[in-house]
Amino acid sequence: MSQHTPPGQMAPHIPADLYHRAQATGQPVVFVVNDTSPAFPWQRLLVPFAIAGAAALGTWGVVAALCWLMDVAAHTATVIANAAGPVGAGGITLKVFSKK
């Protein structure tokens, strides 16, 4: 069974005999750390920009959909008003859209 180093520790367990020999002789103990991580973690930078880009595209999509919806509503109101002709109530007639 392999024994992994817990995060945040410099090295795994040092055998007691090596430690006592190093203490007795004054010999330095050297820790070798094999670090294969890149110099700059790009994921830390790219994820926020991806989220911001998706939010911006979504916002522009909602704005475009609302503009289209207002355009369709205006055209619908125009067609209904032209089909209905003049609108009157109680003897007062109002022509909503005049034809020129």
C-alpha atoms as a PDB file:
ATOM      1  CA  MET A   1       0.000   0.000   0.000  1.00  0.00           C
ATOM      2  CA  SER A   2       1.419   3.380  -0.978  1.00  0.00           C
ATOM      3  CA  GLN A   3       1.652   6.061   1.662  1.00  0.00           C
ATOM      4  CA  HIS A   4       0.963   9.582   0.376  1.00  0.00           C
ATOM      5  CA  THR A   5       2.222  12.754   1.963  1.00  0.00           C
ATOM      6  CA  PRO A   6      -0.572  14.745   3.604  1.00  0.00           C
ATOM      7  CA  PRO A   7      -1.005  18.250   2.127  1.00  0.00           C
ATOM      8  CA  GLY A   8       1.035  20.969   3.772  1.00  0.00           C
ATOM      9  CA  GLN A   9       3.888  18.763   4.993  1.00  0.00           C
ATOM     10  CA  MET A  10       7.394  18.997   3.636  1.00  0.00           C
ATOM     11  CA  ALA A  11       8.329  15.317   3.709  1.00  0.00           C
ATOM     12  CA  PRO A  12       7.036  11.961   4.850  1.00  0.00           C
ATOM     13  CA  HIS A  13       8.256  10.309   8.049  1.00  0.00           C
ATOM     14  CA  ILE A  14      12.031  10.294   8.636  1.00  0.00           C
ATOM     15  CA  PRO A  15      13.257   7.021  10.155  1.00  0.00           C
ATOM     16  CA  ALA A  16      14.457   7.448  13.750  1.00  0.00           C
ATOM     17  CA  ASP A  17      17.916   5.978  13.184  1.00  0.00           C
ATOM     18  CA  LEU A  18      18.644   8.468  10.373  1.00  0.00           C
ATOM     19  CA  TYR A  19      17.430  11.344  12.529  1.00  0.00           C
ATOM     20  CA  HIS A  20      19.574  10.321  15.525  1.00  0.00           C
ATOM     21  CA  ARG A  21      22.622   9.792  13.287  1.00  0.00           C
ATOM     22  CA  ALA A  22      22.140  13.268  11.775  1.00  0.00           C
ATOM     23  CA  GLN A  23      21.779  14.811  15.227  1.00  0.00           C
ATOM     24  CA  ALA A  24      24.883  13.056  16.538  1.00  0.00           C
ATOM     25  CA  THR A  25      27.166  13.857  13.599  1.00  0.00           C
ATOM     26  CA  GLY A  26      25.744  17.283  12.709  1.00  0.00           C
ATOM     27  CA  GLN A  27      25.032  16.052   9.214  1.00  0.00           C
ATOM     28  CA  PRO A  28      22.282  18.069   7.485  1.00  0.00           C
ATOM     29  CA  VAL A  29      19.060  16.421   6.452  1.00  0.00           C
ATOM     30  CA  VAL A  30      18.036  17.298   2.892  1.00  0.00           C
ATOM     31  CA  PHE A  31      14.425  17.211   1.750  1.00  0.00           C
ATOM     32  CA  VAL A  32      13.845  16.777  -1.975  1.00  0.00           C
ATOM     33  CA  VAL A  33      10.453  17.974  -3.190  1.00  0.00           C
ATOM     34  CA  ASN A  34       9.460  17.006  -6.710  1.00  0.00           C
ATOM     35  CA  ASP A  35       7.109  19.786  -7.770  1.00  0.00           C
ATOM     36  CA  THR A  36       5.450  19.247 -11.139  1.00  0.00           C
ATOM     37  CA  SER A  37       2.872  22.012 -10.892  1.00  0.00           C
ATOM     38  CA  PRO A  38       3.054  24.820 -13.494  1.00  0.00           C
ATOM     39  CA  ALA A  39       4.491  28.204 -12.565  1.00  0.00           C
ATOM     40  CA  PHE A  40       1.086  29.911 -12.735  1.00  0.00           C
ATOM     41  CA  PRO A  41      -2.229  28.094 -12.231  1.00  0.00           C
ATOM     42  CA  TRP A  42      -4.178  29.262 -15.288  1.00  0.00           C
ATOM     43  CA  GLN A  43      -7.413  27.672 -14.071  1.00  0.00           C
ATOM     44  CA  ARG A  44      -7.558  30.227 -11.258  1.00  0.00           C
ATOM     45  CA  LEU A  45      -7.653  32.999 -13.876  1.00  0.00           C
ATOM     46  CA  LEU A  46      -9.644  31.365 -16.673  1.00  0.00           C
ATOM     47  CA  VAL A  47     -12.651  30.174 -14.652  1.00  0.00           C
ATOM     48  CA  PRO A  48     -13.760  33.680 -13.523  1.00  0.00           C
ATOM     49  CA  PHE A  49     -13.330  35.027 -17.056  1.00  0.00           C
ATOM     50  CA  ALA A  50     -15.362  32.139 -18.473  1.00  0.00           C
ATOM     51  CA  ILE A  51     -18.147  32.809 -15.971  1.00  0.00           C
ATOM     52  CA  ALA A  52     -18.095  36.550 -16.706  1.00  0.00           C
ATOM     53  CA  GLY A  53     -18.147  35.889 -20.467  1.00  0.00           C
ATOM     54  CA  ALA A  54     -21.102  33.522 -20.142  1.00  0.00           C
ATOM     55  CA  ALA A  55     -22.955  36.067 -18.019  1.00  0.00           C
ATOM     56  CA  ALA A  56     -22.282  38.829 -20.554  1.00  0.00           C
ATOM     57  CA  LEU A  57     -23.462  36.682 -23.474  1.00  0.00           C
ATOM     58  CA  GLY A  58     -26.565  35.684 -21.532  1.00  0.00           C
ATOM     59  CA  THR A  59     -27.366  39.302 -20.743  1.00  0.00           C
ATOM     60  CA  TRP A  60     -27.000  40.310 -24.393  1.00  0.00           C
ATOM     61  CA  GLY A  61     -29.255  37.406 -25.347  1.00  0.00           C
ATOM     62  CA  VAL A  62     -31.957  38.551 -22.922  1.00  0.00           C
ATOM     63  CA  VAL A  63     -31.713  42.131 -24.220  1.00  0.00           C
ATOM     64  CA  ALA A  64     -31.984  40.944 -27.835  1.00  0.00           C
ATOM     65  CA  ALA A  65     -34.996  38.753 -26.964  1.00  0.00           C
ATOM     66  CA  LEU A  66     -36.751  41.669 -25.236  1.00  0.00           C
ATOM     67  CA  CYS A  67     -36.091  43.963 -28.215  1.00  0.00           C
ATOM     68  CA  TRP A  68     -37.548  41.347 -30.566  1.00  0.00           C
ATOM     69  CA  LEU A  69     -40.563  40.882 -28.294  1.00  0.00           C
ATOM     70  CA  MET A  70     -41.256  44.645 -28.193  1.00  0.00           C
ATOM     71  CA  ASP A  71     -40.929  44.818 -31.977  1.00  0.00           C
ATOM     72  CA  VAL A  72     -43.434  41.995 -32.428  1.00  0.00           C
ATOM     73  CA  ALA A  73     -45.814  43.611 -29.907  1.00  0.00           C
ATOM     74  CA  ALA A  74     -45.648  46.962 -31.735  1.00  0.00           C
ATOM     75  CA  HIS A  75     -46.346  45.320 -35.098  1.00  0.00           C
ATOM     76  CA  THR A  76     -49.236  43.355 -33.603  1.00  0.00           C
ATOM     77  CA  ALA A  77     -50.751  46.501 -32.121  1.00  0.00           C
ATOM     78  CA  THR A  78     -50.409  48.243 -35.498  1.00  0.00           C
ATOM     79  CA  VAL A  79     -52.117  45.406 -37.366  1.00  0.00           C
ATOM     80  CA  ILE A  80     -54.992  45.230 -34.864  1.00  0.00           C
ATOM     81  CA  ALA A  81     -55.484  49.005 -34.901  1.00  0.00           C
ATOM     82  CA  ASN A  82     -55.544  49.114 -38.705  1.00  0.00           C
ATOM     83  CA  ALA A  83     -58.024  46.246 -38.860  1.00  0.00           C
ATOM     84  CA  ALA A  84     -60.333  47.802 -36.265  1.00  0.00           C
ATOM     85  CA  GLY A  85     -60.544  51.184 -37.909  1.00  0.00           C
ATOM     86  CA  PRO A  86     -61.644  54.194 -35.915  1.00  0.00           C
ATOM     87  CA  VAL A  87     -62.373  53.631 -32.227  1.00  0.00           C
ATOM     88  CA  GLY A  88     -65.453  55.385 -30.819  1.00  0.00           C
ATOM     89  CA  ALA A  89     -67.087  55.658 -27.413  1.00  0.00           C
ATOM     90  CA  GLY A  90     -70.149  57.777 -26.573  1.00  0.00           C
ATOM     91  CA  GLY A  91     -70.208  59.713 -29.801  1.00  0.00           C
ATOM     92  CA  ILE A  92     -66.512  60.650 -29.718  1.00  0.00           C
ATOM     93  CA  THR A  93     -64.570  58.936 -32.468  1.00  0.00           C
ATOM     94  CA  LEU A  94     -60.830  58.583 -32.305  1.00  0.00           C
ATOM     95  CA  LYS A  95     -58.835  57.428 -35.266  1.00  0.00           C
ATOM     96  CA  VAL A  96     -55.770  55.748 -33.818  1.00  0.00           C
ATOM     97  CA  PHE A  97     -53.672  55.462 -36.951  1.00  0.00           C
ATOM     98  CA  SER A  98     -54.350  57.786 -39.849  1.00  0.00           C
ATOM     99  CA  LYS A  99     -53.780  56.596 -43.401  1.00  0.00           C
ATOM    100  CA  LYS A 100     -52.005  59.143 -45.508  1.00  0.00           C
END
